[in-house]
C-alpha atoms as a PDB file:
ATOM      1  CA  MET A   1       5.211   8.918  14.120  1.00  0.00           C
ATOM      2  CA  ALA A   2       3.940   6.686  16.961  1.00  0.00           C
ATOM      3  CA  ARG A   3       0.373   6.956  15.656  1.00  0.00           C
ATOM      4  CA  ARG A   4       1.514   5.934  12.199  1.00  0.00           C
ATOM      5  CA  ARG A   5       3.338   2.892  13.590  1.00  0.00           C
ATOM      6  CA  ALA A   6       0.270   1.875  15.605  1.00  0.00           C
ATOM      7  CA  ARG A   7      -1.921   2.262  12.519  1.00  0.00           C
ATOM      8  CA  VAL A   8       0.457   0.139  10.424  1.00  0.00           C
ATOM      9  CA  ARG A   9       0.544  -2.570  13.093  1.00  0.00           C
ATOM     10  CA  ALA A  10      -3.238  -2.552  13.351  1.00  0.00           C
ATOM     11  CA  GLU A  11      -3.481  -2.956   9.590  1.00  0.00           C
ATOM     12  CA  LEU A  12      -1.689  -6.297   9.942  1.00  0.00           C
ATOM     13  CA  LEU A  13      -4.777  -7.612  11.762  1.00  0.00           C
ATOM     14  CA  LEU A  14      -7.274  -6.250   9.243  1.00  0.00           C
ATOM     15  CA  PRO A  15      -7.297  -9.131   6.734  1.00  0.00           C
ATOM     16  CA  ALA A  16      -8.207 -11.694   9.394  1.00  0.00           C
ATOM     17  CA  LEU A  17     -10.808  -9.419  10.951  1.00  0.00           C
ATOM     18  CA  GLN A  18     -12.317  -8.628   7.546  1.00  0.00           C
ATOM     19  CA  VAL A  19     -12.640 -12.343   6.782  1.00  0.00           C
ATOM     20  CA  ALA A  20     -14.352 -12.842  10.150  1.00  0.00           C
ATOM     21  CA  LYS A  21     -16.752  -9.983   9.372  1.00  0.00           C
ATOM     22  CA  ASP A  22     -17.474 -11.377   5.891  1.00  0.00           C
ATOM     23  CA  GLN A  23     -18.296 -14.735   7.502  1.00  0.00           C
ATOM     24  CA  GLY A  24     -20.712 -13.058   9.918  1.00  0.00           C
ATOM     25  CA  GLN A  25     -18.549 -13.606  12.988  1.00  0.00           C
ATOM     26  CA  LEU A  26     -18.259  -9.925  13.960  1.00  0.00           C
ATOM     27  CA  ALA A  27     -21.885  -8.906  13.581  1.00  0.00           C
ATOM     28  CA  THR A  28     -21.845  -5.121  13.095  1.00  0.00           C
ATOM     29  CA  TYR A  29     -18.447  -4.506  14.702  1.00  0.00           C
ATOM     30  CA  ASP A  30     -15.975  -2.397  12.742  1.00  0.00           C
ATOM     31  CA  PRO A  31     -12.849  -4.418  11.821  1.00  0.00           C
ATOM     32  CA  VAL A  32     -10.686  -1.266  11.697  1.00  0.00           C
ATOM     33  CA  LEU A  33     -11.688  -0.225  15.210  1.00  0.00           C
ATOM     34  CA  LEU A  34     -11.236  -3.773  16.514  1.00  0.00           C
ATOM     35  CA  ALA A  35      -7.752  -3.961  14.988  1.00  0.00           C
ATOM     36  CA  ARG A  36      -6.759  -0.696  16.683  1.00  0.00           C
ATOM     37  CA  LEU A  37      -8.179  -1.833  20.037  1.00  0.00           C
ATOM     38  CA  ILE A  38      -6.397  -5.191  19.895  1.00  0.00           C
ATOM     39  CA  MET A  39      -3.112  -3.617  18.894  1.00  0.00           C
ATOM     40  CA  SER A  40      -3.436  -0.984  21.621  1.00  0.00           C
ATOM     41  CA  MET A  41      -3.937  -3.702  24.213  1.00  0.00           C
ATOM     42  CA  ILE A  42      -0.862  -5.570  22.996  1.00  0.00           C
ATOM     43  CA  ILE A  43       1.278  -2.423  22.920  1.00  0.00           C
ATOM     44  CA  GLN A  44       0.161  -1.454  26.421  1.00  0.00           C
ATOM     45  CA  ALA A  45       0.969  -4.951  27.725  1.00  0.00           C
ATOM     46  CA  ILE A  46       4.445  -4.782  26.186  1.00  0.00           C
ATOM     47  CA  THR A  47       5.006  -1.332  27.677  1.00  0.00           C
ATOM     48  CA  TRP A  48       3.953  -2.578  31.112  1.00  0.00           C
ATOM     49  CA  TRP A  49       6.145  -5.662  30.814  1.00  0.00           C
ATOM     50  CA  LEU A  50       9.186  -3.587  29.843  1.00  0.00           C
ATOM     51  CA  GLU A  51       8.656  -1.376  32.878  1.00  0.00           C
ATOM     52  CA  TYR A  52       8.090  -4.164  35.422  1.00  0.00           C
ATOM     53  CA  ASP A  53       9.956  -7.043  33.718  1.00  0.00           C
ATOM     54  CA  GLU A  54       7.525  -9.629  35.004  1.00  0.00           C
ATOM     55  CA  PRO A  55       5.701 -11.868  34.598  1.00  0.00           C
ATOM     56  CA  GLY A  56       7.634 -13.632  31.868  1.00  0.00           C
ATOM     57  CA  PRO A  57       6.663 -13.392  28.196  1.00  0.00           C
ATOM     58  CA  ASP A  58       4.774 -16.699  28.220  1.00  0.00           C
ATOM     59  CA  VAL A  59       2.553 -15.568  31.084  1.00  0.00           C
ATOM     60  CA  MET A  60       1.992 -12.170  29.436  1.00  0.00           C
ATOM     61  CA  ALA A  61       0.989 -13.889  26.186  1.00  0.00           C
ATOM     62  CA  GLU A  62      -1.338 -16.216  28.097  1.00  0.00           C
ATOM     63  CA  HIS A  63      -3.093 -13.264  29.749  1.00  0.00           C
ATOM     64  CA  ILE A  64      -3.486 -11.377  26.480  1.00  0.00           C
ATOM     65  CA  LEU A  65      -4.851 -14.428  24.691  1.00  0.00           C
ATOM     66  CA  TYR A  66      -7.250 -15.066  27.575  1.00  0.00           C
ATOM     67  CA  LEU A  67      -8.691 -11.557  27.293  1.00  0.00           C
ATOM     68  CA  LEU A  68      -8.868 -11.716  23.516  1.00  0.00           C
ATOM     69  CA  GLY A  69     -10.535 -15.127  23.574  1.00  0.00           C
ATOM     70  CA  ARG A  70     -12.928 -14.692  26.473  1.00  0.00           C
ATOM     71  CA  GLY A  71     -13.219 -10.978  27.020  1.00  0.00           C
ATOM     72  CA  LEU A  72     -13.771  -9.320  30.363  1.00  0.00           C
ATOM     73  CA  PRO A  73     -15.928 -11.126  32.919  1.00  0.00           C
ATOM     74  CA  ALA A  74     -19.537  -9.960  32.934  1.00  0.00           C
ATOM     75  CA  TRP A  75     -19.436  -9.074  36.653  1.00  0.00           C
ATOM     76  CA  LEU A  76     -16.694  -6.540  35.953  1.00  0.00           C
ATOM     77  CA  LEU A  77     -18.906  -4.676  33.508  1.00  0.00           C
ATOM     78  CA  ALA A  78     -22.052  -4.724  35.662  1.00  0.00           C
END
């Protein structure tokens, strides 16, 4: 049941990711996989926030959008 819900949520991102792929913005990346990865990150952040109740929702959203927009720093992956 949880997997089905995650798949349905990820499918909400697919149209935008497919448009990006069609416009050449995703190179060879798989829109389905990207949708699942993005949704997993969001679900994990919500789970963490519910457990710790901080920072506030605006700060959580800011952090998620930062990672989605800029990715992980290169030094972290070296």
